[in-house]
């Protein structure tokens, strides 16, 4: 390859690098808006307390934000803990490391162990979706199934059979995305957390979600 062609190739590479850097750094990024995630955390707390009327512990399942930062997850947990206050005791917080490029999911064995060790008045609160273990694994619980409240938005809801989990008693309540056609006012125009929540999400349970045909 001649010197002229080498110079031309290097010039092309430098142009591509410059374009990429311009695209990444020239446009200011909008500030993180925690309002939606704080609303999610608050409603998760309300649902958890609904199933822990007295004496039980809340067992949290959250994503590990120390290994991979997630301002959204941190905002949800802060809001959750604030909303719970002294109404219940947070017995343990289980941080799960995840691949940021994959759909958040709690390893079936980890979820099974938490349910096996939970007391009858405890509530497992999962910010990473509902349990996904099989009926055979469920049978090994020996009829013991702790109450579970789970965040099941986005891709999480599309990969689990929520009606089946409700029917099997593995899930008491889940927060899912509200269908666009049934959304009220946009979240951006809302001033309180519940209105923000209702504009984007809804709570489903065994009574509100029937089995799939």
N, C-alpha and C. Protein backbone atom coordinates (compact mmCIF):
# COMPACT_ATOMS: atom_id res chain seq x y z
N UNK A 1 0.86 -1.20 0.00
CA UNK A 1 0.00 0.00 0.00
C UNK A 1 0.89 1.25 0.00
N UNK A 2 0.58 2.22 -0.90
CA UNK A 2 1.38 3.42 -1.01
C UNK A 2 1.17 4.33 0.19
N UNK A 3 2.11 5.27 0.37
CA UNK A 3 2.01 6.20 1.48
C UNK A 3 0.75 7.06 1.37
N UNK A 4 0.37 7.42 0.15
CA UNK A 4 -0.82 8.24 -0.04
C UNK A 4 -2.07 7.49 0.41
N UNK A 5 -2.14 6.20 0.08
CA UNK A 5 -3.30 5.41 0.48
C UNK A 5 -3.35 5.23 1.99
N UNK A 6 -2.17 5.07 2.60
CA UNK A 6 -2.12 4.93 4.06
C UNK A 6 -2.61 6.20 4.73
N UNK A 7 -2.15 7.34 4.20
CA UNK A 7 -2.60 8.61 4.76
C UNK A 7 -4.10 8.79 4.59
N UNK A 8 -4.61 8.36 3.43
CA UNK A 8 -6.05 8.48 3.17
C UNK A 8 -6.85 7.61 4.13
N UNK A 9 -6.37 6.39 4.37
CA UNK A 9 -7.06 5.47 5.28
C UNK A 9 -7.05 6.01 6.70
N UNK A 10 -5.88 6.51 7.13
CA UNK A 10 -5.80 7.07 8.48
C UNK A 10 -6.69 8.28 8.63
N UNK A 11 -6.76 9.09 7.57
CA UNK A 11 -7.64 10.25 7.62
C UNK A 11 -9.09 9.85 7.77
N UNK A 12 -9.49 8.77 7.07
CA UNK A 12 -10.87 8.29 7.19
C UNK A 12 -11.19 7.79 8.58
N UNK A 13 -10.21 7.11 9.19
CA UNK A 13 -10.41 6.61 10.55
C UNK A 13 -10.57 7.77 11.52
N UNK A 14 -9.75 8.79 11.35
CA UNK A 14 -9.83 9.95 12.26
C UNK A 14 -11.16 10.67 12.11
N UNK A 15 -11.70 10.72 10.91
CA UNK A 15 -13.00 11.35 10.70
C UNK A 15 -14.09 10.58 11.40
N UNK A 16 -14.06 9.24 11.30
CA UNK A 16 -15.07 8.41 11.96
C UNK A 16 -15.01 8.58 13.47
N UNK A 17 -13.77 8.59 14.02
CA UNK A 17 -13.61 8.77 15.46
C UNK A 17 -14.16 10.12 15.90
N UNK A 18 -13.88 11.15 15.11
CA UNK A 18 -14.37 12.49 15.45
C UNK A 18 -15.88 12.56 15.44
N UNK A 19 -16.52 11.90 14.45
CA UNK A 19 -17.98 11.90 14.37
C UNK A 19 -18.59 11.19 15.56
N UNK A 20 -18.01 10.04 15.95
CA UNK A 20 -18.51 9.29 17.09
C UNK A 20 -18.39 10.11 18.37
N UNK A 21 -17.24 10.73 18.58
CA UNK A 21 -17.05 11.54 19.79
C UNK A 21 -18.02 12.71 19.81
N UNK A 22 -18.28 13.30 18.64
CA UNK A 22 -19.22 14.41 18.57
C UNK A 22 -20.62 13.97 18.94
N UNK A 23 -21.00 12.79 18.45
CA UNK A 23 -22.35 12.29 18.74
C UNK A 23 -22.52 11.96 20.22
N UNK A 24 -21.44 11.48 20.83
CA UNK A 24 -21.53 11.05 22.23
C UNK A 24 -21.48 12.20 23.21
N UNK A 25 -20.71 13.22 22.90
CA UNK A 25 -20.42 14.22 23.91
C UNK A 25 -20.90 15.63 23.60
N UNK A 26 -21.30 15.89 22.36
CA UNK A 26 -21.65 17.27 22.03
C UNK A 26 -23.04 17.65 22.52
N UNK A 27 -24.00 16.69 22.50
CA UNK A 27 -25.37 16.99 22.90
C UNK A 27 -25.52 16.83 24.41
N UNK A 28 -25.99 17.84 25.10
CA UNK A 28 -26.17 17.71 26.55
C UNK A 28 -27.24 16.69 26.89
N UNK A 29 -26.97 15.84 27.86
CA UNK A 29 -27.93 14.83 28.28
C UNK A 29 -28.92 15.42 29.26
N UNK A 30 -30.21 15.08 29.11
CA UNK A 30 -31.21 15.63 30.03
C UNK A 30 -30.96 15.12 31.44
N UNK A 31 -31.26 15.91 32.46
CA UNK A 31 -31.07 15.46 33.84
C UNK A 31 -31.99 14.28 34.16
N UNK A 32 -31.54 13.41 35.06
CA UNK A 32 -32.33 12.24 35.43
C UNK A 32 -33.56 12.67 36.22
N UNK A 33 -34.72 12.23 35.78
CA UNK A 33 -35.98 12.56 36.45
C UNK A 33 -36.40 11.37 37.30
N UNK A 34 -36.26 11.50 38.60
CA UNK A 34 -36.53 10.38 39.51
C UNK A 34 -38.02 10.24 39.84
N UNK A 35 -38.85 11.19 39.40
CA UNK A 35 -40.25 11.19 39.82
C UNK A 35 -40.99 9.90 39.55
N UNK A 36 -40.84 9.36 38.34
CA UNK A 36 -41.55 8.12 37.98
C UNK A 36 -41.07 6.96 38.85
N UNK A 37 -39.77 6.88 39.08
CA UNK A 37 -39.22 5.76 39.86
C UNK A 37 -39.55 5.89 41.34
N UNK A 38 -39.63 7.11 41.82
CA UNK A 38 -40.06 7.32 43.20
C UNK A 38 -41.53 6.90 43.36
N UNK A 39 -42.34 7.17 42.34
CA UNK A 39 -43.74 6.75 42.39
C UNK A 39 -43.85 5.23 42.40
N UNK A 40 -43.02 4.56 41.61
CA UNK A 40 -43.00 3.09 41.60
C UNK A 40 -42.64 2.55 42.98
N UNK A 41 -41.61 3.10 43.58
CA UNK A 41 -41.19 2.64 44.90
C UNK A 41 -42.26 2.83 45.95
N UNK A 42 -42.97 3.95 45.89
CA UNK A 42 -44.01 4.23 46.87
C UNK A 42 -45.17 3.24 46.75
N UNK A 43 -45.59 2.95 45.52
CA UNK A 43 -46.71 2.02 45.34
C UNK A 43 -46.28 0.60 45.68
N UNK A 44 -45.04 0.25 45.40
CA UNK A 44 -44.55 -1.06 45.82
C UNK A 44 -44.64 -1.19 47.34
N UNK A 45 -44.32 -0.13 48.05
CA UNK A 45 -44.42 -0.14 49.51
C UNK A 45 -45.86 -0.30 49.95
N UNK A 46 -46.77 0.42 49.31
CA UNK A 46 -48.19 0.33 49.67
C UNK A 46 -48.70 -1.09 49.49
N UNK A 47 -48.32 -1.73 48.39
CA UNK A 47 -48.78 -3.10 48.14
C UNK A 47 -48.14 -4.08 49.11
N UNK A 48 -46.87 -3.90 49.43
CA UNK A 48 -46.21 -4.79 50.38
C UNK A 48 -46.86 -4.70 51.75
N UNK A 49 -47.15 -3.49 52.20
CA UNK A 49 -47.79 -3.31 53.50
C UNK A 49 -49.19 -3.88 53.53
N UNK A 50 -49.83 -3.93 52.38
CA UNK A 50 -51.18 -4.51 52.31
C UNK A 50 -51.17 -5.99 52.68
N UNK A 51 -50.05 -6.65 52.37
CA UNK A 51 -49.95 -8.09 52.65
C UNK A 51 -49.13 -8.38 53.91
N UNK A 52 -48.74 -7.35 54.63
CA UNK A 52 -48.02 -7.53 55.90
C UNK A 52 -48.74 -6.75 56.98
N UNK A 53 -49.92 -7.23 57.37
CA UNK A 53 -50.74 -6.46 58.31
C UNK A 53 -50.16 -6.31 59.71
N UNK A 54 -49.20 -7.14 60.06
CA UNK A 54 -48.63 -7.00 61.41
C UNK A 54 -47.66 -8.11 61.73
N UNK A 55 -46.48 -7.73 62.19
CA UNK A 55 -45.53 -8.72 62.68
C UNK A 55 -44.60 -9.32 61.64
N UNK A 56 -44.91 -9.18 60.37
CA UNK A 56 -44.09 -9.80 59.35
C UNK A 56 -42.93 -8.93 58.91
N UNK A 57 -41.96 -9.54 58.27
CA UNK A 57 -40.82 -8.82 57.73
C UNK A 57 -40.98 -8.64 56.22
N UNK A 58 -40.38 -7.59 55.71
CA UNK A 58 -40.30 -7.39 54.27
C UNK A 58 -38.92 -7.85 53.82
N UNK A 59 -38.90 -8.76 52.87
CA UNK A 59 -37.65 -9.30 52.33
C UNK A 59 -37.48 -8.72 50.92
N UNK A 60 -36.49 -7.86 50.74
CA UNK A 60 -36.32 -7.16 49.48
C UNK A 60 -35.37 -7.89 48.54
N UNK A 61 -35.74 -7.86 47.25
CA UNK A 61 -34.86 -8.32 46.18
C UNK A 61 -34.64 -7.14 45.26
N UNK A 62 -33.40 -6.70 45.15
CA UNK A 62 -33.08 -5.52 44.35
C UNK A 62 -31.87 -5.83 43.47
N UNK A 63 -31.68 -5.00 42.46
CA UNK A 63 -30.47 -5.17 41.65
C UNK A 63 -29.28 -4.55 42.35
N UNK A 64 -28.11 -5.15 42.16
CA UNK A 64 -26.88 -4.65 42.77
C UNK A 64 -26.42 -3.43 41.98
N UNK A 65 -26.56 -2.26 42.58
CA UNK A 65 -26.17 -1.03 41.89
C UNK A 65 -24.75 -0.60 42.24
N UNK A 66 -24.06 -1.40 43.04
CA UNK A 66 -22.66 -1.09 43.33
C UNK A 66 -21.77 -1.55 42.19
N UNK A 67 -22.12 -2.69 41.58
CA UNK A 67 -21.32 -3.21 40.47
C UNK A 67 -21.69 -2.51 39.16
N UNK A 68 -23.00 -2.25 38.98
CA UNK A 68 -23.48 -1.53 37.79
C UNK A 68 -24.45 -0.46 38.26
N UNK A 69 -24.10 0.79 38.09
CA UNK A 69 -24.92 1.89 38.59
C UNK A 69 -26.29 1.91 37.91
N UNK A 70 -27.32 2.23 38.69
CA UNK A 70 -28.68 2.36 38.18
C UNK A 70 -29.42 3.41 39.01
N UNK A 71 -29.39 4.67 38.59
CA UNK A 71 -30.10 5.71 39.34
C UNK A 71 -31.59 5.40 39.49
N UNK A 72 -32.19 4.76 38.49
CA UNK A 72 -33.61 4.42 38.57
C UNK A 72 -33.87 3.44 39.71
N UNK A 73 -33.06 2.39 39.79
CA UNK A 73 -33.24 1.40 40.86
C UNK A 73 -33.00 2.02 42.23
N UNK A 74 -32.00 2.86 42.34
CA UNK A 74 -31.72 3.52 43.61
C UNK A 74 -32.88 4.41 44.04
N UNK A 75 -33.46 5.12 43.09
CA UNK A 75 -34.60 6.00 43.41
C UNK A 75 -35.80 5.18 43.87
N UNK A 76 -36.02 4.04 43.25
CA UNK A 76 -37.14 3.17 43.65
C UNK A 76 -36.98 2.69 45.09
N UNK A 77 -35.78 2.25 45.44
CA UNK A 77 -35.55 1.70 46.77
C UNK A 77 -35.62 2.79 47.83
N UNK A 78 -35.05 3.95 47.55
CA UNK A 78 -35.12 5.05 48.52
C UNK A 78 -36.58 5.42 48.81
N UNK A 79 -37.37 5.52 47.74
CA UNK A 79 -38.77 5.88 47.91
C UNK A 79 -39.53 4.79 48.65
N UNK A 80 -39.21 3.54 48.35
CA UNK A 80 -39.85 2.41 49.02
C UNK A 80 -39.60 2.46 50.53
N UNK A 81 -38.34 2.60 50.90
CA UNK A 81 -37.99 2.60 52.32
C UNK A 81 -38.62 3.77 53.05
N UNK A 82 -38.67 4.92 52.39
CA UNK A 82 -39.29 6.10 53.00
C UNK A 82 -40.77 5.86 53.23
N UNK A 83 -41.44 5.24 52.24
CA UNK A 83 -42.88 5.00 52.35
C UNK A 83 -43.20 3.95 53.41
N UNK A 84 -42.34 2.95 53.55
CA UNK A 84 -42.55 1.92 54.57
C UNK A 84 -42.40 2.51 55.96
N UNK A 85 -41.37 3.32 56.14
CA UNK A 85 -41.15 3.96 57.43
C UNK A 85 -41.10 2.95 58.56
N UNK A 86 -41.93 3.18 59.56
CA UNK A 86 -41.99 2.28 60.71
C UNK A 86 -43.20 1.35 60.65
N UNK A 87 -43.85 1.31 59.50
CA UNK A 87 -45.05 0.47 59.38
C UNK A 87 -44.71 -1.01 59.31
N UNK A 88 -43.49 -1.33 58.94
CA UNK A 88 -43.05 -2.73 58.86
C UNK A 88 -41.54 -2.77 58.98
N UNK A 89 -41.01 -3.94 59.23
CA UNK A 89 -39.57 -4.11 59.37
C UNK A 89 -39.00 -4.72 58.09
N UNK A 90 -37.97 -4.11 57.57
CA UNK A 90 -37.27 -4.68 56.41
C UNK A 90 -36.25 -5.67 56.96
N UNK A 91 -36.58 -6.95 56.82
CA UNK A 91 -35.76 -8.00 57.41
C UNK A 91 -34.43 -8.17 56.73
N UNK A 92 -34.42 -8.12 55.39
CA UNK A 92 -33.17 -8.29 54.65
C UNK A 92 -33.31 -7.67 53.27
N UNK A 93 -32.19 -7.26 52.71
CA UNK A 93 -32.14 -6.73 51.36
C UNK A 93 -31.15 -7.57 50.57
N UNK A 94 -31.64 -8.22 49.52
CA UNK A 94 -30.81 -9.13 48.73
C UNK A 94 -30.51 -8.49 47.39
N UNK A 95 -29.25 -8.09 47.20
CA UNK A 95 -28.82 -7.42 45.97
C UNK A 95 -28.31 -8.46 44.98
N UNK A 96 -28.92 -8.50 43.81
CA UNK A 96 -28.58 -9.47 42.78
C UNK A 96 -27.77 -8.80 41.67
N UNK A 97 -26.62 -9.35 41.36
CA UNK A 97 -25.83 -8.83 40.24
C UNK A 97 -26.44 -9.29 38.92
N UNK A 98 -26.56 -8.37 37.98
CA UNK A 98 -27.17 -8.71 36.69
C UNK A 98 -26.31 -8.17 35.56
N UNK A 99 -26.55 -8.75 34.39
CA UNK A 99 -25.95 -8.25 33.16
C UNK A 99 -26.80 -7.08 32.69
N UNK A 100 -26.25 -5.87 32.59
CA UNK A 100 -27.07 -4.72 32.21
C UNK A 100 -27.67 -4.82 30.82
N UNK A 101 -27.17 -5.74 29.99
CA UNK A 101 -27.68 -5.90 28.64
C UNK A 101 -28.81 -6.93 28.57
N UNK A 102 -29.13 -7.57 29.69
CA UNK A 102 -30.17 -8.59 29.71
C UNK A 102 -31.34 -8.14 30.59
N UNK A 103 -32.48 -8.80 30.37
CA UNK A 103 -33.67 -8.50 31.17
C UNK A 103 -33.40 -8.91 32.62
N UNK A 104 -33.67 -8.02 33.59
CA UNK A 104 -33.43 -8.38 34.99
C UNK A 104 -34.23 -9.62 35.39
N UNK A 105 -33.57 -10.52 36.08
CA UNK A 105 -34.24 -11.75 36.50
C UNK A 105 -33.55 -12.30 37.73
N UNK A 106 -34.32 -12.73 38.69
CA UNK A 106 -33.77 -13.34 39.89
C UNK A 106 -33.50 -14.81 39.61
N UNK A 107 -32.30 -15.32 39.84
CA UNK A 107 -32.05 -16.75 39.66
C UNK A 107 -33.08 -17.57 40.42
N UNK A 108 -33.63 -18.59 39.75
CA UNK A 108 -34.70 -19.39 40.35
C UNK A 108 -34.30 -19.97 41.70
N UNK A 109 -33.05 -20.43 41.80
CA UNK A 109 -32.60 -21.02 43.06
C UNK A 109 -32.57 -20.02 44.19
N UNK A 110 -32.15 -18.80 43.89
CA UNK A 110 -32.11 -17.75 44.92
C UNK A 110 -33.51 -17.40 45.40
N UNK A 111 -34.44 -17.28 44.45
CA UNK A 111 -35.82 -16.94 44.83
C UNK A 111 -36.44 -18.08 45.64
N UNK A 112 -36.17 -19.30 45.24
CA UNK A 112 -36.71 -20.47 45.94
C UNK A 112 -36.22 -20.49 47.39
N UNK A 113 -34.92 -20.22 47.59
CA UNK A 113 -34.36 -20.23 48.93
C UNK A 113 -35.00 -19.17 49.81
N UNK A 114 -35.22 -17.99 49.25
CA UNK A 114 -35.85 -16.91 50.02
C UNK A 114 -37.26 -17.30 50.43
N UNK A 115 -38.01 -17.91 49.53
CA UNK A 115 -39.37 -18.32 49.85
C UNK A 115 -39.38 -19.45 50.87
N UNK A 116 -38.41 -20.35 50.77
CA UNK A 116 -38.33 -21.47 51.70
C UNK A 116 -38.04 -20.98 53.11
N UNK A 117 -37.20 -19.96 53.22
CA UNK A 117 -36.79 -19.47 54.54
C UNK A 117 -37.71 -18.40 55.11
N UNK A 118 -38.63 -17.90 54.32
CA UNK A 118 -39.51 -16.82 54.78
C UNK A 118 -40.54 -17.34 55.78
N UNK A 119 -40.90 -16.49 56.73
CA UNK A 119 -41.95 -16.83 57.68
C UNK A 119 -43.33 -16.65 57.07
N UNK A 120 -44.34 -17.18 57.72
CA UNK A 120 -45.69 -17.14 57.16
C UNK A 120 -46.25 -15.72 57.09
N UNK A 121 -45.72 -14.81 57.86
CA UNK A 121 -46.18 -13.42 57.82
C UNK A 121 -45.25 -12.51 57.01
N UNK A 122 -44.20 -13.09 56.45
CA UNK A 122 -43.24 -12.29 55.69
C UNK A 122 -43.76 -12.02 54.27
N UNK A 123 -43.28 -10.94 53.70
CA UNK A 123 -43.61 -10.59 52.31
C UNK A 123 -42.32 -10.37 51.55
N UNK A 124 -42.15 -11.10 50.45
CA UNK A 124 -41.00 -10.90 49.58
C UNK A 124 -41.35 -9.83 48.56
N UNK A 125 -40.55 -8.79 48.52
CA UNK A 125 -40.78 -7.66 47.62
C UNK A 125 -39.66 -7.65 46.59
N UNK A 126 -40.00 -8.02 45.36
CA UNK A 126 -38.99 -8.15 44.32
C UNK A 126 -39.09 -7.00 43.32
N UNK A 127 -38.02 -6.24 43.20
CA UNK A 127 -37.93 -5.20 42.19
C UNK A 127 -37.34 -5.75 40.89
N UNK A 128 -37.17 -7.07 40.83
CA UNK A 128 -36.58 -7.71 39.64
C UNK A 128 -37.47 -8.81 39.08
N UNK A 129 -38.77 -8.66 39.30
CA UNK A 129 -39.70 -9.62 38.72
C UNK A 129 -40.12 -10.72 39.68
N UNK A 130 -41.14 -11.50 39.30
CA UNK A 130 -41.67 -12.57 40.15
C UNK A 130 -40.82 -13.83 40.06
N UNK A 131 -41.11 -14.83 40.90
CA UNK A 131 -40.37 -16.09 40.83
C UNK A 131 -40.64 -16.80 39.51
N UNK A 132 -39.62 -17.49 39.00
CA UNK A 132 -39.76 -18.17 37.71
C UNK A 132 -39.48 -19.66 37.80
N UNK A 133 -39.48 -20.21 39.03
CA UNK A 133 -39.16 -21.63 39.09
C UNK A 133 -40.34 -22.50 38.69
N UNK A 134 -40.04 -23.76 38.40
CA UNK A 134 -41.01 -24.69 37.85
C UNK A 134 -41.97 -25.22 38.91
N UNK A 135 -42.97 -25.97 38.45
CA UNK A 135 -43.93 -26.58 39.39
C UNK A 135 -43.22 -27.62 40.25
N UNK A 136 -42.19 -28.28 39.68
CA UNK A 136 -41.44 -29.27 40.46
C UNK A 136 -40.69 -28.58 41.60
N UNK A 137 -40.10 -27.44 41.31
CA UNK A 137 -39.42 -26.68 42.37
C UNK A 137 -40.43 -26.17 43.40
N UNK A 138 -41.59 -25.78 42.92
CA UNK A 138 -42.61 -25.31 43.84
C UNK A 138 -43.04 -26.42 44.79
N UNK A 139 -43.15 -27.64 44.25
CA UNK A 139 -43.57 -28.78 45.08
C UNK A 139 -42.59 -29.02 46.23
N UNK A 140 -41.31 -28.68 46.00
CA UNK A 140 -40.30 -28.89 47.04
C UNK A 140 -40.43 -27.90 48.18
N UNK A 141 -41.25 -26.87 47.98
CA UNK A 141 -41.48 -25.93 49.09
C UNK A 141 -42.34 -26.57 50.17
N UNK A 142 -42.95 -27.70 49.84
CA UNK A 142 -43.75 -28.41 50.84
C UNK A 142 -45.01 -27.67 51.23
N UNK A 143 -45.62 -27.00 50.29
CA UNK A 143 -46.86 -26.26 50.57
C UNK A 143 -46.61 -24.90 51.17
N UNK A 144 -45.35 -24.53 51.35
CA UNK A 144 -45.02 -23.24 51.93
C UNK A 144 -44.75 -22.23 50.82
N UNK A 145 -45.53 -21.17 50.78
CA UNK A 145 -45.32 -20.14 49.77
C UNK A 145 -45.49 -18.77 50.41
N UNK A 146 -44.40 -18.04 50.51
CA UNK A 146 -44.48 -16.71 51.09
C UNK A 146 -45.24 -15.77 50.17
N UNK A 147 -45.77 -14.71 50.71
CA UNK A 147 -46.45 -13.71 49.89
C UNK A 147 -45.40 -12.96 49.08
N UNK A 148 -45.74 -12.69 47.81
CA UNK A 148 -44.78 -12.03 46.92
C UNK A 148 -45.43 -10.85 46.22
N UNK A 149 -44.77 -9.71 46.27
CA UNK A 149 -45.17 -8.53 45.51
C UNK A 149 -44.00 -8.22 44.58
N UNK A 150 -44.27 -8.08 43.29
CA UNK A 150 -43.18 -7.94 42.33
C UNK A 150 -43.40 -6.80 41.35
N UNK A 151 -42.31 -6.19 40.95
CA UNK A 151 -42.30 -5.22 39.87
C UNK A 151 -42.10 -6.01 38.58
N UNK A 152 -43.07 -5.93 37.67
CA UNK A 152 -43.02 -6.73 36.44
C UNK A 152 -43.32 -5.86 35.24
N UNK A 153 -42.53 -4.82 35.07
CA UNK A 153 -42.74 -3.89 33.97
C UNK A 153 -41.84 -4.23 32.79
N UNK A 154 -42.14 -3.63 31.64
CA UNK A 154 -41.31 -3.80 30.46
C UNK A 154 -41.19 -5.24 30.02
N UNK A 155 -39.96 -5.65 29.70
CA UNK A 155 -39.72 -6.98 29.16
C UNK A 155 -39.97 -8.08 30.18
N UNK A 156 -39.94 -7.75 31.48
CA UNK A 156 -40.17 -8.77 32.50
C UNK A 156 -41.55 -9.39 32.34
N UNK A 157 -42.56 -8.55 32.15
CA UNK A 157 -43.93 -9.05 32.03
C UNK A 157 -44.12 -9.91 30.80
N UNK A 158 -43.36 -9.65 29.76
CA UNK A 158 -43.53 -10.40 28.52
C UNK A 158 -42.92 -11.79 28.58
N UNK A 159 -42.07 -12.04 29.56
CA UNK A 159 -41.40 -13.34 29.60
C UNK A 159 -41.93 -14.24 30.73
N UNK A 160 -42.89 -13.77 31.50
CA UNK A 160 -43.47 -14.60 32.56
C UNK A 160 -44.98 -14.70 32.39
N UNK A 161 -45.54 -15.78 32.87
CA UNK A 161 -46.98 -16.02 32.80
C UNK A 161 -47.59 -15.58 34.13
N UNK A 162 -47.96 -14.33 34.23
CA UNK A 162 -48.48 -13.80 35.49
C UNK A 162 -49.74 -14.52 35.96
N UNK A 163 -50.75 -14.76 35.08
CA UNK A 163 -51.94 -15.47 35.55
C UNK A 163 -51.62 -16.83 36.17
N UNK A 164 -50.65 -17.54 35.58
CA UNK A 164 -50.26 -18.84 36.13
C UNK A 164 -49.64 -18.69 37.51
N UNK A 165 -48.81 -17.68 37.68
CA UNK A 165 -48.19 -17.45 38.98
C UNK A 165 -49.22 -17.11 40.05
N UNK A 166 -50.22 -16.31 39.67
CA UNK A 166 -51.30 -15.99 40.61
C UNK A 166 -52.06 -17.27 40.97
N UNK A 167 -52.36 -18.08 39.98
CA UNK A 167 -53.13 -19.30 40.21
C UNK A 167 -52.37 -20.27 41.11
N UNK A 168 -51.07 -20.34 40.95
CA UNK A 168 -50.24 -21.26 41.73
C UNK A 168 -49.92 -20.70 43.12
N UNK A 169 -50.35 -19.48 43.40
CA UNK A 169 -50.12 -18.88 44.71
C UNK A 169 -48.72 -18.38 44.92
N UNK A 170 -47.96 -18.19 43.82
CA UNK A 170 -46.59 -17.72 43.93
C UNK A 170 -46.48 -16.20 43.84
N UNK A 171 -47.61 -15.54 43.63
CA UNK A 171 -47.59 -14.10 43.45
C UNK A 171 -48.91 -13.53 43.96
N UNK A 172 -48.82 -12.48 44.77
CA UNK A 172 -50.03 -11.84 45.28
C UNK A 172 -50.36 -10.54 44.56
N UNK A 173 -49.34 -9.80 44.15
CA UNK A 173 -49.58 -8.54 43.45
C UNK A 173 -48.38 -8.22 42.57
N UNK A 174 -48.64 -7.58 41.44
CA UNK A 174 -47.56 -7.18 40.53
C UNK A 174 -47.88 -5.82 39.94
N UNK A 175 -46.85 -5.04 39.73
CA UNK A 175 -46.99 -3.77 39.04
C UNK A 175 -46.57 -3.98 37.59
N UNK A 176 -47.46 -3.64 36.67
CA UNK A 176 -47.20 -3.83 35.24
C UNK A 176 -47.44 -2.52 34.50
N UNK A 177 -46.99 -2.46 33.26
CA UNK A 177 -47.21 -1.28 32.44
C UNK A 177 -48.69 -1.14 32.10
N UNK A 178 -49.19 0.06 32.16
CA UNK A 178 -50.55 0.32 31.72
C UNK A 178 -50.58 0.40 30.21
N UNK A 179 -51.59 -0.19 29.59
CA UNK A 179 -51.72 -0.11 28.14
C UNK A 179 -51.89 1.34 27.72
N UNK A 180 -51.24 1.70 26.63
CA UNK A 180 -51.25 3.09 26.18
C UNK A 180 -52.66 3.62 25.99
N UNK A 181 -53.56 2.79 25.50
CA UNK A 181 -54.92 3.24 25.22
C UNK A 181 -55.70 3.58 26.48
N UNK A 182 -55.28 3.01 27.63
CA UNK A 182 -56.02 3.23 28.87
C UNK A 182 -55.32 4.21 29.80
N UNK A 183 -54.25 4.84 29.32
CA UNK A 183 -53.53 5.78 30.16
C UNK A 183 -54.29 7.10 30.29
N UNK A 184 -54.36 7.63 31.53
CA UNK A 184 -54.97 8.95 31.71
C UNK A 184 -54.00 10.05 31.31
N UNK A 185 -53.91 11.11 32.04
CA UNK A 185 -53.05 12.22 31.70
C UNK A 185 -51.58 11.81 31.69
N UNK A 186 -50.77 12.42 30.83
CA UNK A 186 -49.34 12.09 30.79
C UNK A 186 -48.67 12.35 32.13
N UNK A 187 -47.66 11.54 32.43
CA UNK A 187 -46.97 11.67 33.72
C UNK A 187 -46.32 13.03 33.87
N UNK A 188 -45.90 13.62 32.76
CA UNK A 188 -45.19 14.90 32.84
C UNK A 188 -46.05 16.01 33.42
N UNK A 189 -47.38 15.88 33.31
CA UNK A 189 -48.26 16.93 33.80
C UNK A 189 -48.73 16.68 35.22
N UNK A 190 -48.28 15.58 35.81
CA UNK A 190 -48.75 15.21 37.15
C UNK A 190 -47.90 15.87 38.22
N UNK A 191 -48.53 16.09 39.37
CA UNK A 191 -47.82 16.74 40.47
C UNK A 191 -47.66 15.84 41.69
N UNK A 192 -48.41 14.74 41.79
CA UNK A 192 -48.28 13.84 42.92
C UNK A 192 -47.91 12.44 42.42
N UNK A 193 -47.28 11.67 43.32
CA UNK A 193 -46.71 10.38 42.92
C UNK A 193 -47.76 9.39 42.43
N UNK A 194 -48.96 9.39 43.05
CA UNK A 194 -49.96 8.41 42.63
C UNK A 194 -50.48 8.72 41.23
N UNK A 195 -50.63 9.98 40.91
CA UNK A 195 -51.08 10.35 39.56
C UNK A 195 -50.02 9.99 38.54
N UNK A 196 -48.76 10.22 38.90
CA UNK A 196 -47.67 9.82 38.02
C UNK A 196 -47.72 8.32 37.79
N UNK A 197 -47.88 7.57 38.87
CA UNK A 197 -47.93 6.11 38.76
C UNK A 197 -49.09 5.67 37.87
N UNK A 198 -50.28 6.18 38.13
CA UNK A 198 -51.48 5.75 37.41
C UNK A 198 -51.43 6.10 35.93
N UNK A 199 -50.61 7.07 35.56
CA UNK A 199 -50.51 7.44 34.15
C UNK A 199 -49.68 6.45 33.35
N UNK A 200 -48.90 5.63 34.04
CA UNK A 200 -47.99 4.72 33.34
C UNK A 200 -48.14 3.26 33.74
N UNK A 201 -48.59 3.00 34.96
CA UNK A 201 -48.60 1.63 35.48
C UNK A 201 -49.94 1.30 36.14
N UNK A 202 -50.08 0.01 36.44
CA UNK A 202 -51.26 -0.44 37.18
C UNK A 202 -50.87 -1.64 38.04
N UNK A 203 -51.65 -1.88 39.08
CA UNK A 203 -51.41 -3.02 39.97
C UNK A 203 -52.38 -4.13 39.61
N UNK A 204 -51.87 -5.34 39.41
CA UNK A 204 -52.72 -6.49 39.10
C UNK A 204 -52.56 -7.54 40.20
N UNK A 205 -53.61 -8.33 40.37
CA UNK A 205 -53.62 -9.38 41.39
C UNK A 205 -54.39 -10.56 40.84
N UNK A 206 -54.53 -11.60 41.67
CA UNK A 206 -55.26 -12.79 41.25
C UNK A 206 -56.70 -12.47 40.91
N UNK A 207 -57.29 -11.51 41.60
CA UNK A 207 -58.69 -11.17 41.35
C UNK A 207 -58.88 -10.27 40.13
N UNK A 208 -57.86 -9.49 39.80
CA UNK A 208 -58.01 -8.59 38.68
C UNK A 208 -57.49 -9.14 37.37
N UNK A 209 -56.71 -10.22 37.42
CA UNK A 209 -56.15 -10.81 36.20
C UNK A 209 -56.53 -12.27 36.16
N UNK A 210 -57.40 -12.64 35.28
CA UNK A 210 -57.82 -14.02 35.15
C UNK A 210 -56.82 -14.84 34.39
N UNK A 211 -56.98 -16.16 34.35
CA UNK A 211 -56.06 -17.01 33.63
C UNK A 211 -56.15 -16.79 32.13
N UNK A 212 -55.07 -17.05 31.45
CA UNK A 212 -55.06 -16.92 29.99
C UNK A 212 -55.94 -17.98 29.36
N UNK A 213 -56.65 -17.65 28.23
CA UNK A 213 -57.51 -18.65 27.59
C UNK A 213 -56.68 -19.77 26.99
